[in-house]
Amino acid sequence: MIKTIFISERYFTKEELDSFRINHGYDIKEISYSSSEGEIDFNIPDQKEFLLKYGTPKILARFGY
Protein backbone atom coordinates (compact mmCIF):
# COMPACT_ATOMS: atom_id res chain seq x y z
CA MET A 1 0.00 0.00 0.00
CA ILE A 2 1.31 3.46 -0.89
CA LYS A 3 1.25 6.02 1.92
CA THR A 4 1.86 9.76 1.96
CA ILE A 5 4.69 10.57 4.35
CA PHE A 6 5.70 14.00 5.62
CA ILE A 7 9.38 14.49 6.44
CA SER A 8 10.06 14.61 10.15
CA GLU A 9 12.29 17.29 11.65
CA ARG A 10 13.88 14.72 13.97
CA TYR A 11 16.67 13.97 11.49
CA PHE A 12 17.89 17.57 11.36
CA THR A 13 19.55 20.09 13.65
CA LYS A 14 17.96 23.47 14.36
CA GLU A 15 20.68 25.09 12.24
CA GLU A 16 19.92 22.78 9.30
CA LEU A 17 16.20 23.51 9.58
CA ASP A 18 16.78 27.27 9.72
CA SER A 19 19.20 27.15 6.80
CA PHE A 20 16.77 25.04 4.76
CA ARG A 21 13.95 27.54 5.38
CA ILE A 22 16.16 30.46 4.31
CA ASN A 23 17.53 28.69 1.20
CA HIS A 24 14.32 27.12 -0.08
CA GLY A 25 11.51 29.28 1.31
CA TYR A 26 9.58 26.55 3.13
CA ASP A 27 9.99 24.15 6.04
CA ILE A 28 11.25 20.58 5.74
CA LYS A 29 8.09 19.32 7.49
CA GLU A 30 6.00 20.72 4.62
CA ILE A 31 7.51 18.22 2.15
CA SER A 32 5.61 15.01 1.54
CA TYR A 33 6.25 12.02 -0.68
CA SER A 34 4.45 8.77 -1.41
CA SER A 35 6.06 5.45 -0.63
CA SER A 36 5.15 1.81 -0.18
CA GLU A 37 8.55 1.18 1.46
CA GLY A 38 8.17 3.58 4.40
CA GLU A 39 9.99 6.68 5.50
CA ILE A 40 13.30 7.78 3.97
CA ASP A 41 16.17 7.51 6.45
CA PHE A 42 17.76 10.94 6.52
CA ASN A 43 20.51 9.59 8.78
CA ILE A 44 21.99 8.35 5.50
CA PRO A 45 24.35 11.21 4.57
CA ASP A 46 23.65 10.99 0.84
CA GLN A 47 19.88 11.37 1.34
CA LYS A 48 20.26 14.20 3.84
CA GLU A 49 22.81 16.16 1.77
CA PHE A 50 20.63 15.92 -1.35
CA LEU A 51 17.57 17.21 0.48
CA LEU A 52 19.44 20.12 2.07
CA LYS A 53 21.05 21.10 -1.24
CA TYR A 54 18.10 20.75 -3.63
CA GLY A 55 15.09 21.19 -1.34
CA THR A 56 13.50 17.90 -2.32
CA PRO A 57 14.19 14.25 -1.50
CA LYS A 58 15.93 12.14 -4.15
CA ILE A 59 12.78 10.09 -4.66
CA LEU A 60 10.87 13.19 -5.81
CA ALA A 61 13.77 14.50 -7.91
CA ARG A 62 13.62 11.30 -9.96
CA PHE A 63 10.11 12.24 -11.06
CA GLY A 64 10.87 15.86 -11.88
CA TYR A 65 9.42 17.53 -8.76
C-alpha atoms as a PDB file:
ATOM      1  CA  MET A   1       0.000   0.000   0.000  1.00  0.00           C
ATOM      2  CA  ILE A   2       1.307   3.461  -0.887  1.00  0.00           C
ATOM      3  CA  LYS A   3       1.249   6.022   1.924  1.00  0.00           C
ATOM      4  CA  THR A   4       1.857   9.762   1.957  1.00  0.00           C
ATOM      5  CA  ILE A   5       4.688  10.574   4.345  1.00  0.00           C
ATOM      6  CA  PHE A   6       5.701  13.999   5.625  1.00  0.00           C
ATOM      7  CA  ILE A   7       9.385  14.486   6.438  1.00  0.00           C
ATOM      8  CA  SER A   8      10.058  14.607  10.149  1.00  0.00           C
ATOM      9  CA  GLU A   9      12.285  17.289  11.649  1.00  0.00           C
ATOM     10  CA  ARG A  10      13.884  14.719  13.972  1.00  0.00           C
ATOM     11  CA  TYR A  11      16.674  13.965  11.487  1.00  0.00           C
ATOM     12  CA  PHE A  12      17.891  17.573  11.356  1.00  0.00           C
ATOM     13  CA  THR A  13      19.552  20.088  13.653  1.00  0.00           C
ATOM     14  CA  LYS A  14      17.962  23.472  14.357  1.00  0.00           C
ATOM     15  CA  GLU A  15      20.679  25.086  12.241  1.00  0.00           C
ATOM     16  CA  GLU A  16      19.921  22.777   9.302  1.00  0.00           C
ATOM     17  CA  LEU A  17      16.196  23.515   9.581  1.00  0.00           C
ATOM     18  CA  ASP A  18      16.775  27.275   9.722  1.00  0.00           C
ATOM     19  CA  SER A  19      19.202  27.150   6.799  1.00  0.00           C
ATOM     20  CA  PHE A  20      16.767  25.044   4.759  1.00  0.00           C
ATOM     21  CA  ARG A  21      13.951  27.542   5.384  1.00  0.00           C
ATOM     22  CA  ILE A  22      16.156  30.456   4.311  1.00  0.00           C
ATOM     23  CA  ASN A  23      17.534  28.688   1.205  1.00  0.00           C
ATOM     24  CA  HIS A  24      14.316  27.118  -0.079  1.00  0.00           C
ATOM     25  CA  GLY A  25      11.512  29.284   1.311  1.00  0.00           C
ATOM     26  CA  TYR A  26       9.578  26.551   3.128  1.00  0.00           C
ATOM     27  CA  ASP A  27       9.989  24.150   6.042  1.00  0.00           C
ATOM     28  CA  ILE A  28      11.245  20.575   5.743  1.00  0.00           C
ATOM     29  CA  LYS A  29       8.095  19.320   7.490  1.00  0.00           C
ATOM     30  CA  GLU A  30       5.996  20.719   4.621  1.00  0.00           C
ATOM     31  CA  ILE A  31       7.513  18.221   2.150  1.00  0.00           C
ATOM     32  CA  SER A  32       5.608  15.009   1.539  1.00  0.00           C
ATOM     33  CA  TYR A  33       6.245  12.025  -0.678  1.00  0.00           C
ATOM     34  CA  SER A  34       4.453   8.774  -1.412  1.00  0.00           C
ATOM     35  CA  SER A  35       6.059   5.447  -0.631  1.00  0.00           C
ATOM     36  CA  SER A  36       5.153   1.815  -0.178  1.00  0.00           C
ATOM     37  CA  GLU A  37       8.546   1.179   1.459  1.00  0.00           C
ATOM     38  CA  GLY A  38       8.173   3.582   4.396  1.00  0.00           C
ATOM     39  CA  GLU A  39       9.991   6.683   5.503  1.00  0.00           C
ATOM     40  CA  ILE A  40      13.302   7.780   3.966  1.00  0.00           C
ATOM     41  CA  ASP A  41      16.173   7.506   6.449  1.00  0.00           C
ATOM     42  CA  PHE A  42      17.765  10.945   6.519  1.00  0.00           C
ATOM     43  CA  ASN A  43      20.511   9.592   8.782  1.00  0.00           C
ATOM     44  CA  ILE A  44      21.992   8.346   5.504  1.00  0.00           C
ATOM     45  CA  PRO A  45      24.355  11.206   4.572  1.00  0.00           C
ATOM     46  CA  ASP A  46      23.651  10.988   0.835  1.00  0.00           C
ATOM     47  CA  GLN A  47      19.877  11.369   1.337  1.00  0.00           C
ATOM     48  CA  LYS A  48      20.263  14.200   3.837  1.00  0.00           C
ATOM     49  CA  GLU A  49      22.812  16.165   1.767  1.00  0.00           C
ATOM     50  CA  PHE A  50      20.634  15.917  -1.350  1.00  0.00           C
ATOM     51  CA  LEU A  51      17.574  17.213   0.484  1.00  0.00           C
ATOM     52  CA  LEU A  52      19.439  20.121   2.068  1.00  0.00           C
ATOM     53  CA  LYS A  53      21.048  21.103  -1.242  1.00  0.00           C
ATOM     54  CA  TYR A  54      18.098  20.753  -3.633  1.00  0.00           C
ATOM     55  CA  GLY A  55      15.088  21.190  -1.342  1.00  0.00           C
ATOM     56  CA  THR A  56      13.496  17.898  -2.315  1.00  0.00           C
ATOM     57  CA  PRO A  57      14.188  14.249  -1.503  1.00  0.00           C
ATOM     58  CA  LYS A  58      15.930  12.144  -4.151  1.00  0.00           C
ATOM     59  CA  ILE A  59      12.783  10.087  -4.664  1.00  0.00           C
ATOM     60  CA  LEU A  60      10.875  13.194  -5.812  1.00  0.00           C
ATOM     61  CA  ALA A  61      13.768  14.504  -7.906  1.00  0.00           C
ATOM     62  CA  ARG A  62      13.619  11.296  -9.956  1.00  0.00           C
ATOM     63  CA  PHE A  63      10.110  12.235 -11.059  1.00  0.00           C
ATOM     64  CA  GLY A  64      10.867  15.862 -11.877  1.00  0.00           C
ATOM     65  CA  TYR A  65       9.423  17.525  -8.755  1.00  0.00           C
END
